[in-house]
PDB file of N, CA and C in Angstrom:
ATOM      1  N   MET A   1       0.849  -1.171   0.000  1.00  0.00           N
ATOM      2  CA  MET A   1       0.000   0.000   0.000  1.00  0.00           C
ATOM      3  C   MET A   1       0.891   1.230   0.000  1.00  0.00           C
ATOM      4  N   GLY A   2       0.600   2.151  -0.860  1.00  0.00           N
ATOM      5  CA  GLY A   2       1.383   3.365  -0.909  1.00  0.00           C
ATOM      6  C   GLY A   2       2.393   3.388  -2.032  1.00  0.00           C
ATOM      7  N   ILE A   3       2.042   2.838  -3.185  1.00  0.00           N
ATOM      8  CA  ILE A   3       2.960   2.825  -4.325  1.00  0.00           C
ATOM      9  C   ILE A   3       3.192   4.240  -4.854  1.00  0.00           C
ATOM     10  N   ILE A   4       2.132   5.029  -4.989  1.00  0.00           N
ATOM     11  CA  ILE A   4       2.230   6.378  -5.530  1.00  0.00           C
ATOM     12  C   ILE A   4       2.464   7.394  -4.408  1.00  0.00           C
ATOM     13  N   GLU A   5       1.696   7.269  -3.343  1.00  0.00           N
ATOM     14  CA  GLU A   5       1.840   8.137  -2.173  1.00  0.00           C
ATOM     15  C   GLU A   5       2.034   7.245  -0.951  1.00  0.00           C
ATOM     16  N   PRO A   6       2.817   7.675   0.031  1.00  0.00           N
ATOM     17  CA  PRO A   6       2.964   6.861   1.235  1.00  0.00           C
ATOM     18  C   PRO A   6       1.674   6.865   2.054  1.00  0.00           C
ATOM     19  N   TYR A   7       1.422   5.749   2.716  1.00  0.00           N
ATOM     20  CA  TYR A   7       0.269   5.654   3.614  1.00  0.00           C
ATOM     21  C   TYR A   7       0.704   6.161   4.974  1.00  0.00           C
ATOM     22  N   ASN A   8       0.077   7.204   5.446  1.00  0.00           N
ATOM     23  CA  ASN A   8       0.405   7.759   6.750  1.00  0.00           C
ATOM     24  C   ASN A   8      -0.625   7.307   7.772  1.00  0.00           C
ATOM     25  N   SER A   9      -0.132   6.846   8.904  1.00  0.00           N
ATOM     26  CA  SER A   9      -1.011   6.338   9.938  1.00  0.00           C
ATOM     27  C   SER A   9      -0.422   6.636  11.303  1.00  0.00           C
ATOM     28  N   SER A  10      -1.282   6.832  12.258  1.00  0.00           N
ATOM     29  CA  SER A  10      -0.820   7.021  13.633  1.00  0.00           C
ATOM     30  C   SER A  10      -0.709   5.686  14.365  1.00  0.00           C
ATOM     31  N   SER A  11      -1.069   4.601  13.688  1.00  0.00           N
ATOM     32  CA  SER A  11      -1.018   3.271  14.289  1.00  0.00           C
ATOM     33  C   SER A  11       0.433   2.817  14.485  1.00  0.00           C
ATOM     34  N   PRO A  12       0.729   2.213  15.631  1.00  0.00           N
ATOM     35  CA  PRO A  12       2.082   1.701  15.855  1.00  0.00           C
ATOM     36  C   PRO A  12       2.328   0.347  15.182  1.00  0.00           C
ATOM     37  N   ALA A  13       1.294  -0.246  14.576  1.00  0.00           N
ATOM     38  CA  ALA A  13       1.428  -1.556  13.951  1.00  0.00           C
ATOM     39  C   ALA A  13       2.484  -1.527  12.855  1.00  0.00           C
ATOM     40  N   GLN A  14       3.372  -2.523  12.875  1.00  0.00           N
ATOM     41  CA  GLN A  14       4.452  -2.589  11.890  1.00  0.00           C
ATOM     42  C   GLN A  14       4.320  -3.810  10.986  1.00  0.00           C
ATOM     43  N   GLY A  15       3.251  -4.570  11.152  1.00  0.00           N
ATOM     44  CA  GLY A  15       3.011  -5.701  10.275  1.00  0.00           C
ATOM     45  C   GLY A  15       3.665  -6.985  10.720  1.00  0.00           C
ATOM     46  N   ARG A  16       3.941  -7.838   9.756  1.00  0.00           N
ATOM     47  CA  ARG A  16       4.443  -9.194  10.002  1.00  0.00           C
ATOM     48  C   ARG A  16       5.811  -9.202  10.673  1.00  0.00           C
ATOM     49  N   ILE A  17       6.543  -8.126  10.624  1.00  0.00           N
ATOM     50  CA  ILE A  17       7.855  -8.060  11.271  1.00  0.00           C
ATOM     51  C   ILE A  17       7.755  -8.395  12.758  1.00  0.00           C
ATOM     52  N   ALA A  18       6.607  -8.113  13.367  1.00  0.00           N
ATOM     53  CA  ALA A  18       6.416  -8.417  14.782  1.00  0.00           C
ATOM     54  C   ALA A  18       6.492  -9.919  15.047  1.00  0.00           C
ATOM     55  N   VAL A  19       6.210 -10.732  14.021  1.00  0.00           N
ATOM     56  CA  VAL A  19       6.247 -12.187  14.156  1.00  0.00           C
ATOM     57  C   VAL A  19       7.577 -12.758  13.674  1.00  0.00           C
ATOM     58  N   THR A  20       8.058 -12.271  12.535  1.00  0.00           N
ATOM     59  CA  THR A  20       9.246 -12.870  11.914  1.00  0.00           C
ATOM     60  C   THR A  20      10.548 -12.203  12.312  1.00  0.00           C
ATOM     61  N   GLY A  21      10.486 -10.926  12.678  1.00  0.00           N
ATOM     62  CA  GLY A  21      11.703 -10.187  12.984  1.00  0.00           C
ATOM     63  C   GLY A  21      12.482  -9.768  11.740  1.00  0.00           C
ATOM     64  N   LYS A  22      11.964 -10.067  10.553  1.00  0.00           N
ATOM     65  CA  LYS A  22      12.646  -9.728   9.296  1.00  0.00           C
ATOM     66  C   LYS A  22      12.209  -8.348   8.817  1.00  0.00           C
ATOM     67  N   ASP A  23      13.181  -7.499   8.541  1.00  0.00           N
ATOM     68  CA  ASP A  23      12.859  -6.147   8.106  1.00  0.00           C
ATOM     69  C   ASP A  23      12.044  -6.141   6.810  1.00  0.00           C
ATOM     70  N   ALA A  24      12.230  -7.156   5.973  1.00  0.00           N
ATOM     71  CA  ALA A  24      11.466  -7.243   4.717  1.00  0.00           C
ATOM     72  C   ALA A  24       9.964  -7.385   4.980  1.00  0.00           C
ATOM     73  N   ASP A  25       9.593  -7.823   6.186  1.00  0.00           N
ATOM     74  CA  ASP A  25       8.183  -7.997   6.535  1.00  0.00           C
ATOM     75  C   ASP A  25       7.565  -6.763   7.192  1.00  0.00           C
ATOM     76  N   ARG A  26       8.351  -5.692   7.325  1.00  0.00           N
ATOM     77  CA  ARG A  26       7.825  -4.461   7.912  1.00  0.00           C
ATOM     78  C   ARG A  26       6.718  -3.916   7.009  1.00  0.00           C
ATOM     79  N   PHE A  27       5.604  -3.599   7.600  1.00  0.00           N
ATOM     80  CA  PHE A  27       4.412  -3.073   6.922  1.00  0.00           C
ATOM     81  C   PHE A  27       3.781  -4.065   5.950  1.00  0.00           C
ATOM     82  N   SER A  28       4.017  -5.366   6.163  1.00  0.00           N
ATOM     83  CA  SER A  28       3.304  -6.408   5.423  1.00  0.00           C
ATOM     84  C   SER A  28       2.150  -6.879   6.298  1.00  0.00           C
ATOM     85  N   PHE A  29       0.946  -6.739   5.786  1.00  0.00           N
ATOM     86  CA  PHE A  29      -0.248  -7.105   6.540  1.00  0.00           C
ATOM     87  C   PHE A  29      -1.062  -8.106   5.742  1.00  0.00           C
ATOM     88  N   LYS A  30      -1.808  -8.944   6.424  1.00  0.00           N
ATOM     89  CA  LYS A  30      -2.688  -9.897   5.762  1.00  0.00           C
ATOM     90  C   LYS A  30      -3.793  -9.123   5.049  1.00  0.00           C
ATOM     91  N   VAL A  31      -4.055  -9.502   3.827  1.00  0.00           N
ATOM     92  CA  VAL A  31      -5.122  -8.874   3.061  1.00  0.00           C
ATOM     93  C   VAL A  31      -6.306  -9.827   3.042  1.00  0.00           C
ATOM     94  N   PRO A  32      -7.418  -9.432   3.646  1.00  0.00           N
ATOM     95  CA  PRO A  32      -8.580 -10.323   3.678  1.00  0.00           C
ATOM     96  C   PRO A  32      -9.268 -10.413   2.318  1.00  0.00           C
ATOM     97  N   THR A  33     -10.088 -11.419   2.180  1.00  0.00           N
ATOM     98  CA  THR A  33     -10.876 -11.606   0.966  1.00  0.00           C
ATOM     99  C   THR A  33     -11.874 -10.463   0.789  1.00  0.00           C
ATOM    100  N   LEU A  34     -12.316 -10.250  -0.425  1.00  0.00           N
ATOM    101  CA  LEU A  34     -13.337  -9.234  -0.669  1.00  0.00           C
ATOM    102  C   LEU A  34     -14.748  -9.753  -0.401  1.00  0.00           C
ATOM    103  N   ARG A  35     -14.884 -11.045  -0.170  1.00  0.00           N
ATOM    104  CA  ARG A  35     -16.198 -11.607   0.157  1.00  0.00           C
ATOM    105  C   ARG A  35     -16.714 -10.943   1.428  1.00  0.00           C
ATOM    106  N   ASN A  36     -17.915 -10.414   1.387  1.00  0.00           N
ATOM    107  CA  ASN A  36     -18.548  -9.723   2.516  1.00  0.00           C
ATOM    108  C   ASN A  36     -17.786  -8.475   2.958  1.00  0.00           C
ATOM    109  N   VAL A  37     -17.026  -7.856   2.055  1.00  0.00           N
ATOM    110  CA  VAL A  37     -16.239  -6.672   2.405  1.00  0.00           C
ATOM    111  C   VAL A  37     -17.125  -5.546   2.950  1.00  0.00           C
ATOM    112  N   GLU A  38     -18.361  -5.503   2.510  1.00  0.00           N
ATOM    113  CA  GLU A  38     -19.299  -4.483   2.993  1.00  0.00           C
ATOM    114  C   GLU A  38     -19.506  -4.583   4.508  1.00  0.00           C
ATOM    115  N   LEU A  39     -19.333  -5.782   5.053  1.00  0.00           N
ATOM    116  CA  LEU A  39     -19.616  -6.021   6.470  1.00  0.00           C
ATOM    117  C   LEU A  39     -18.381  -5.992   7.361  1.00  0.00           C
ATOM    118  N   THR A  40     -17.220  -5.737   6.790  1.00  0.00           N
ATOM    119  CA  THR A  40     -15.982  -5.890   7.561  1.00  0.00           C
ATOM    120  C   THR A  40     -15.303  -4.562   7.895  1.00  0.00           C
ATOM    121  N   TYR A  41     -16.091  -3.532   8.064  1.00  0.00           N
ATOM    122  CA  TYR A  41     -15.548  -2.229   8.421  1.00  0.00           C
ATOM    123  C   TYR A  41     -15.086  -2.229   9.871  1.00  0.00           C
ATOM    124  N   PRO A  42     -14.260  -1.333  10.303  1.00  0.00           N
ATOM    125  CA  PRO A  42     -13.545  -0.338   9.528  1.00  0.00           C
ATOM    126  C   PRO A  42     -12.462  -0.997   8.684  1.00  0.00           C
ATOM    127  N   TYR A  43     -11.924  -0.272   7.738  1.00  0.00           N
ATOM    128  CA  TYR A  43     -11.018  -0.841   6.757  1.00  0.00           C
ATOM    129  C   TYR A  43      -9.565  -0.469   7.023  1.00  0.00           C
ATOM    130  N   PHE A  44      -8.680  -1.256   6.468  1.00  0.00           N
ATOM    131  CA  PHE A  44      -7.223  -1.168   6.586  1.00  0.00           C
ATOM    132  C   PHE A  44      -6.782  -1.751   7.937  1.00  0.00           C
ATOM    133  N   HIS A  45      -5.511  -2.006   8.043  1.00  0.00           N
ATOM    134  CA  HIS A  45      -4.984  -2.661   9.243  1.00  0.00           C
ATOM    135  C   HIS A  45      -5.181  -1.819  10.500  1.00  0.00           C
ATOM    136  N   ASP A  46      -5.339  -0.526  10.329  1.00  0.00           N
ATOM    137  CA  ASP A  46      -5.465   0.356  11.480  1.00  0.00           C
ATOM    138  C   ASP A  46      -6.874   0.921  11.651  1.00  0.00           C
ATOM    139  N   GLY A  47      -7.804   0.491  10.803  1.00  0.00           N
ATOM    140  CA  GLY A  47      -9.183   0.947  10.902  1.00  0.00           C
ATOM    141  C   GLY A  47      -9.393   2.402  10.526  1.00  0.00           C
ATOM    142  N   GLU A  48      -8.445   2.990   9.799  1.00  0.00           N
ATOM    143  CA  GLU A  48      -8.525   4.415   9.451  1.00  0.00           C
ATOM    144  C   GLU A  48      -9.690   4.749   8.523  1.00  0.00           C
ATOM    145  N   ALA A  49     -10.046   3.851   7.615  1.00  0.00           N
ATOM    146  CA  ALA A  49     -11.158   4.116   6.692  1.00  0.00           C
ATOM    147  C   ALA A  49     -12.442   3.561   7.307  1.00  0.00           C
ATOM    148  N   GLU A  50     -13.360   4.459   7.601  1.00  0.00           N
ATOM    149  CA  GLU A  50     -14.594   4.040   8.263  1.00  0.00           C
ATOM    150  C   GLU A  50     -15.635   3.489   7.308  1.00  0.00           C
ATOM    151  N   THR A  51     -15.550   3.870   6.031  1.00  0.00           N
ATOM    152  CA  THR A  51     -16.541   3.413   5.060  1.00  0.00           C
ATOM    153  C   THR A  51     -15.842   2.758   3.875  1.00  0.00           C
ATOM    154  N   LEU A  52     -16.588   1.937   3.172  1.00  0.00           N
ATOM    155  CA  LEU A  52     -16.066   1.294   1.969  1.00  0.00           C
ATOM    156  C   LEU A  52     -15.730   2.350   0.915  1.00  0.00           C
ATOM    157  N   ARG A  53     -16.548   3.341   0.807  1.00  0.00           N
ATOM    158  CA  ARG A  53     -16.315   4.429  -0.147  1.00  0.00           C
ATOM    159  C   ARG A  53     -14.981   5.122   0.143  1.00  0.00           C
ATOM    160  N   GLU A  54     -14.727   5.407   1.411  1.00  0.00           N
ATOM    161  CA  GLU A  54     -13.462   6.043   1.799  1.00  0.00           C
ATOM    162  C   GLU A  54     -12.275   5.128   1.491  1.00  0.00           C
ATOM    163  N   ALA A  55     -12.414   3.839   1.765  1.00  0.00           N
ATOM    164  CA  ALA A  55     -11.327   2.884   1.501  1.00  0.00           C
ATOM    165  C   ALA A  55     -11.006   2.825   0.011  1.00  0.00           C
ATOM    166  N   VAL A  56     -12.025   2.791  -0.834  1.00  0.00           N
ATOM    167  CA  VAL A  56     -11.812   2.748  -2.283  1.00  0.00           C
ATOM    168  C   VAL A  56     -11.120   4.027  -2.755  1.00  0.00           C
ATOM    169  N   ALA A  57     -11.552   5.168  -2.239  1.00  0.00           N
ATOM    170  CA  ALA A  57     -10.949   6.447  -2.633  1.00  0.00           C
ATOM    171  C   ALA A  57      -9.480   6.510  -2.222  1.00  0.00           C
ATOM    172  N   VAL A  58      -9.179   6.084  -1.007  1.00  0.00           N
ATOM    173  CA  VAL A  58      -7.795   6.109  -0.521  1.00  0.00           C
ATOM    174  C   VAL A  58      -6.925   5.162  -1.343  1.00  0.00           C
ATOM    175  N   MET A  59      -7.394   3.958  -1.593  1.00  0.00           N
ATOM    176  CA  MET A  59      -6.605   2.997  -2.365  1.00  0.00           C
ATOM    177  C   MET A  59      -6.364   3.495  -3.786  1.00  0.00           C
ATOM    178  N   GLY A  60      -7.355   4.110  -4.407  1.00  0.00           N
ATOM    179  CA  GLY A  60      -7.173   4.655  -5.751  1.00  0.00           C
ATOM    180  C   GLY A  60      -6.094   5.727  -5.776  1.00  0.00           C
ATOM    181  N   ARG A  61      -6.118   6.585  -4.771  1.00  0.00           N
ATOM    182  CA  ARG A  61      -5.131   7.669  -4.717  1.00  0.00           C
ATOM    183  C   ARG A  61      -3.732   7.145  -4.404  1.00  0.00           C
ATOM    184  N   LEU A  62      -3.606   6.276  -3.390  1.00  0.00           N
ATOM    185  CA  LEU A  62      -2.290   5.809  -2.964  1.00  0.00           C
ATOM    186  C   LEU A  62      -1.670   4.796  -3.913  1.00  0.00           C
ATOM    187  N   GLN A  63      -2.478   3.942  -4.495  1.00  0.00           N
ATOM    188  CA  GLN A  63      -1.957   2.866  -5.337  1.00  0.00           C
ATOM    189  C   GLN A  63      -1.884   3.235  -6.810  1.00  0.00           C
ATOM    190  N   LEU A  64      -2.790   4.088  -7.267  1.00  0.00           N
ATOM    191  CA  LEU A  64      -2.870   4.391  -8.695  1.00  0.00           C
ATOM    192  C   LEU A  64      -2.654   5.854  -9.031  1.00  0.00           C
ATOM    193  N   GLY A  65      -2.715   6.717  -8.018  1.00  0.00           N
ATOM    194  CA  GLY A  65      -2.584   8.149  -8.274  1.00  0.00           C
ATOM    195  C   GLY A  65      -3.837   8.747  -8.890  1.00  0.00           C
ATOM    196  N   TRP A  66      -4.983   8.083  -8.688  1.00  0.00           N
ATOM    197  CA  TRP A  66      -6.239   8.555  -9.279  1.00  0.00           C
ATOM    198  C   TRP A  66      -7.137   9.133  -8.202  1.00  0.00           C
ATOM    199  N   ASN A  67      -7.857  10.178  -8.567  1.00  0.00           N
ATOM    200  CA  ASN A  67      -8.924  10.720  -7.728  1.00  0.00           C
ATOM    201  C   ASN A  67     -10.223  10.406  -8.457  1.00  0.00           C
ATOM    202  N   TYR A  68     -10.955   9.439  -7.939  1.00  0.00           N
ATOM    203  CA  TYR A  68     -12.182   8.998  -8.591  1.00  0.00           C
ATOM    204  C   TYR A  68     -13.271  10.050  -8.490  1.00  0.00           C
ATOM    205  N   SER A  69     -14.111  10.110  -9.517  1.00  0.00           N
ATOM    206  CA  SER A  69     -15.293  10.972  -9.467  1.00  0.00           C
ATOM    207  C   SER A  69     -16.312  10.309  -8.546  1.00  0.00           C
ATOM    208  N   ALA A  70     -17.320  11.070  -8.157  1.00  0.00           N
ATOM    209  CA  ALA A  70     -18.380  10.527  -7.298  1.00  0.00           C
ATOM    210  C   ALA A  70     -19.068   9.345  -7.983  1.00  0.00           C
ATOM    211  N   GLU A  71     -19.275   9.446  -9.280  1.00  0.00           N
ATOM    212  CA  GLU A  71     -19.929   8.363 -10.027  1.00  0.00           C
ATOM    213  C   GLU A  71     -19.053   7.101 -10.042  1.00  0.00           C
ATOM    214  N   GLU A  72     -17.746   7.277 -10.259  1.00  0.00           N
ATOM    215  CA  GLU A  72     -16.834   6.121 -10.249  1.00  0.00           C
ATOM    216  C   GLU A  72     -16.815   5.445  -8.883  1.00  0.00           C
ATOM    217  N   LEU A  73     -16.767   6.254  -7.828  1.00  0.00           N
ATOM    218  CA  LEU A  73     -16.795   5.693  -6.471  1.00  0.00           C
ATOM    219  C   LEU A  73     -18.101   4.936  -6.229  1.00  0.00           C
ATOM    220  N   ASN A  74     -19.217   5.523  -6.633  1.00  0.00           N
ATOM    221  CA  ASN A  74     -20.516   4.862  -6.471  1.00  0.00           C
ATOM    222  C   ASN A  74     -20.541   3.524  -7.190  1.00  0.00           C
ATOM    223  N   ASP A  75     -20.011   3.495  -8.413  1.00  0.00           N
ATOM    224  CA  ASP A  75     -20.004   2.260  -9.196  1.00  0.00           C
ATOM    225  C   ASP A  75     -19.130   1.185  -8.544  1.00  0.00           C
ATOM    226  N   MET A  76     -17.940   1.564  -8.066  1.00  0.00           N
ATOM    227  CA  MET A  76     -17.049   0.574  -7.456  1.00  0.00           C
ATOM    228  C   MET A  76     -17.617   0.047  -6.142  1.00  0.00           C
ATOM    229  N   VAL A  77     -18.173   0.927  -5.347  1.00  0.00           N
ATOM    230  CA  VAL A  77     -18.766   0.495  -4.080  1.00  0.00           C
ATOM    231  C   VAL A  77     -19.978  -0.398  -4.358  1.00  0.00           C
ATOM    232  N   ALA A  78     -20.779  -0.051  -5.347  1.00  0.00           N
ATOM    233  CA  ALA A  78     -21.928  -0.888  -5.709  1.00  0.00           C
ATOM    234  C   ALA A  78     -21.463  -2.281  -6.127  1.00  0.00           C
ATOM    235  N   PHE A  79     -20.384  -2.349  -6.918  1.00  0.00           N
ATOM    236  CA  PHE A  79     -19.850  -3.658  -7.304  1.00  0.00           C
ATOM    237  C   PHE A  79     -19.378  -4.438  -6.078  1.00  0.00           C
ATOM    238  N   LEU A  80     -18.616  -3.800  -5.218  1.00  0.00           N
ATOM    239  CA  LEU A  80     -18.097  -4.504  -4.037  1.00  0.00           C
ATOM    240  C   LEU A  80     -19.227  -5.016  -3.142  1.00  0.00           C
ATOM    241  N   LYS A  81     -20.318  -4.286  -3.097  1.00  0.00           N
ATOM    242  CA  LYS A  81     -21.467  -4.722  -2.292  1.00  0.00           C
ATOM    243  C   LYS A  81     -22.136  -5.965  -2.882  1.00  0.00           C
ATOM    244  N   THR A  82     -21.942  -6.219  -4.186  1.00  0.00           N
ATOM    245  CA  THR A  82     -22.506  -7.445  -4.773  1.00  0.00           C
ATOM    246  C   THR A  82     -21.786  -8.685  -4.252  1.00  0.00           C
ATOM    247  N   LEU A  83     -20.640  -8.518  -3.615  1.00  0.00           N
ATOM    248  CA  LEU A  83     -19.885  -9.643  -3.068  1.00  0.00           C
ATOM    249  C   LEU A  83     -20.359 -10.036  -1.673  1.00  0.00           C
ATOM    250  N   THR A  84     -21.386  -9.343  -1.183  1.00  0.00           N
ATOM    251  CA  THR A  84     -21.933  -9.628   0.142  1.00  0.00           C
ATOM    252  C   THR A  84     -22.950 -10.754   0.036  1.00  0.00           C
ATOM    253  N   GLY A  85     -22.806 -11.716   0.903  1.00  0.00           N
ATOM    254  CA  GLY A  85     -23.729 -12.842   0.946  1.00  0.00           C
ATOM    255  C   GLY A  85     -24.042 -13.190   2.382  1.00  0.00           C
ATOM    256  N   GLU A  86     -24.747 -14.286   2.551  1.00  0.00           N
ATOM    257  CA  GLU A  86     -25.066 -14.730   3.901  1.00  0.00           C
ATOM    258  C   GLU A  86     -23.805 -15.268   4.564  1.00  0.00           C
ATOM    259  N   ARG A  87     -23.609 -14.881   5.787  1.00  0.00           N
ATOM    260  CA  ARG A  87     -22.467 -15.404   6.527  1.00  0.00           C
ATOM    261  C   ARG A  87     -22.794 -16.827   6.965  1.00  0.00           C
ATOM    262  N   PRO A  88     -21.832 -17.724   6.810  1.00  0.00           N
ATOM    263  CA  PRO A  88     -22.093 -19.095   7.253  1.00  0.00           C
ATOM    264  C   PRO A  88     -22.223 -19.161   8.774  1.00  0.00           C
ATOM    265  N   ALA A  89     -23.101 -20.011   9.221  1.00  0.00           N
ATOM    266  CA  ALA A  89     -23.262 -20.206  10.662  1.00  0.00           C
ATOM    267  C   ALA A  89     -22.103 -21.052  11.167  1.00  0.00           C
ATOM    268  N   ILE A  90     -21.497 -20.621  12.224  1.00  0.00           N
ATOM    269  CA  ILE A  90     -20.380 -21.363  12.807  1.00  0.00           C
ATOM    270  C   ILE A  90     -20.804 -21.816  14.200  1.00  0.00           C
ATOM    271  N   ALA A  91     -20.885 -23.114  14.376  1.00  0.00           N
ATOM    272  CA  ALA A  91     -21.263 -23.665  15.676  1.00  0.00           C
ATOM    273  C   ALA A  91     -19.995 -23.911  16.485  1.00  0.00           C
ATOM    274  N   LEU A  92     -19.890 -23.225  17.600  1.00  0.00           N
ATOM    275  CA  LEU A  92     -18.736 -23.416  18.462  1.00  0.00           C
ATOM    276  C   LEU A  92     -18.955 -24.624  19.355  1.00  0.00           C
ATOM    277  N   PRO A  93     -17.895 -25.389  19.628  1.00  0.00           N
ATOM    278  CA  PRO A  93     -18.064 -26.559  20.482  1.00  0.00           C
ATOM    279  C   PRO A  93     -18.351 -26.144  21.920  1.00  0.00           C
ATOM    280  N   LEU A  94     -19.132 -26.952  22.613  1.00  0.00           N
ATOM    281  CA  LEU A  94     -19.394 -26.725  24.033  1.00  0.00           C
ATOM    282  C   LEU A  94     -18.318 -27.466  24.816  1.00  0.00           C
ATOM    283  N   LEU A  95     -17.549 -26.746  25.567  1.00  0.00           N
ATOM    284  CA  LEU A  95     -16.466 -27.336  26.340  1.00  0.00           C
ATOM    285  C   LEU A  95     -16.931 -27.596  27.761  1.00  0.00           C
ATOM    286  N   PRO A  96     -16.331 -28.601  28.391  1.00  0.00           N
ATOM    287  CA  PRO A  96     -16.706 -28.847  29.778  1.00  0.00           C
ATOM    288  C   PRO A  96     -16.248 -27.686  30.658  1.00  0.00           C
ATOM    289  N   ALA A  97     -16.915 -27.509  31.760  1.00  0.00           N
ATOM    290  CA  ALA A  97     -16.562 -26.434  32.685  1.00  0.00           C
ATOM    291  C   ALA A  97     -15.178 -26.674  33.270  1.00  0.00           C
ATOM    292  N   SER A  98     -14.440 -25.604  33.519  1.00  0.00           N
ATOM    293  CA  SER A  98     -13.123 -25.716  34.150  1.00  0.00           C
ATOM    294  C   SER A  98     -13.300 -26.055  35.623  1.00  0.00           C
ATOM    295  N   MET A  99     -12.318 -26.768  36.145  1.00  0.00           N
ATOM    296  CA  MET A  99     -12.329 -27.140  37.559  1.00  0.00           C
ATOM    297  C   MET A  99     -10.999 -26.708  38.173  1.00  0.00           C
ATOM    298  N   ASP A 100     -10.862 -26.872  39.467  1.00  0.00           N
ATOM    299  CA  ASP A 100      -9.615 -26.489  40.126  1.00  0.00           C
ATOM    300  C   ASP A 100      -8.420 -27.223  39.551  1.00  0.00           C
ATOM    301  N   ARG A 101      -8.608 -28.445  39.097  1.00  0.00           N
ATOM    302  CA  ARG A 101      -7.479 -29.234  38.586  1.00  0.00           C
ATOM    303  C   ARG A 101      -7.302 -29.124  37.064  1.00  0.00           C
ATOM    304  N   THR A 102      -8.093 -28.266  36.421  1.00  0.00           N
ATOM    305  CA  THR A 102      -7.965 -28.069  34.980  1.00  0.00           C
ATOM    306  C   THR A 102      -6.631 -27.395  34.679  1.00  0.00           C
ATOM    307  N   HIS A 103      -5.905 -27.968  33.702  1.00  0.00           N
ATOM    308  CA  HIS A 103      -4.615 -27.406  33.306  1.00  0.00           C
ATOM    309  C   HIS A 103      -4.799 -26.002  32.760  1.00  0.00           C
ATOM    310  N   ARG A 104      -3.997 -25.075  33.216  1.00  0.00           N
ATOM    311  CA  ARG A 104      -4.037 -23.709  32.729  1.00  0.00           C
ATOM    312  C   ARG A 104      -2.957 -23.541  31.658  1.00  0.00           C
ATOM    313  N   PRO A 105      -3.313 -22.966  30.507  1.00  0.00           N
ATOM    314  CA  PRO A 105      -2.315 -22.788  29.452  1.00  0.00           C
ATOM    315  C   PRO A 105      -1.271 -21.757  29.865  1.00  0.00           C
ATOM    316  N   GLU A 106      -0.053 -21.955  29.390  1.00  0.00           N
ATOM    317  CA  GLU A 106       1.003 -20.984  29.634  1.00  0.00           C
ATOM    318  C   GLU A 106       0.904 -19.892  28.591  1.00  0.00           C
ATOM    319  N   PRO A 107       1.239 -18.673  28.938  1.00  0.00           N
ATOM    320  CA  PRO A 107       1.150 -17.595  27.943  1.00  0.00           C
ATOM    321  C   PRO A 107       2.091 -17.873  26.765  1.00  0.00           C
ATOM    322  N   PHE A 108       1.688 -17.355  25.608  1.00  0.00           N
ATOM    323  CA  PHE A 108       2.539 -17.491  24.428  1.00  0.00           C
ATOM    324  C   PHE A 108       3.787 -16.651  24.617  1.00  0.00           C
ATOM    325  N   LYS A 109       4.885 -17.157  24.098  1.00  0.00           N
ATOM    326  CA  LYS A 109       6.154 -16.422  24.230  1.00  0.00           C
ATOM    327  C   LYS A 109       6.517 -15.783  22.933  1.00  0.00           C
TER     328      LYS A 109
END
């Protein structure tokens, strides 16, 4: 993100480098699928874009150097909204209640 213009953020997040320690992974973030993108606000790794319209406008400017017209933004957002469908139901397992002798997990290192 930020091919034409740099992405400026107040977020301290540095991306995958926090896991790998490799400088090449600095500012590398997982990019989610566009399926149900209408429902996954706020947008970007730091939540800076509150609306899909704002996210599309920012990406166009930073990645392509384009300032979309209102009609172009409306068309792109309308298309992205067609990718919204029913969310699958996820049944979580019922776990037994913890007891005094239940093993406690150690924190991740």
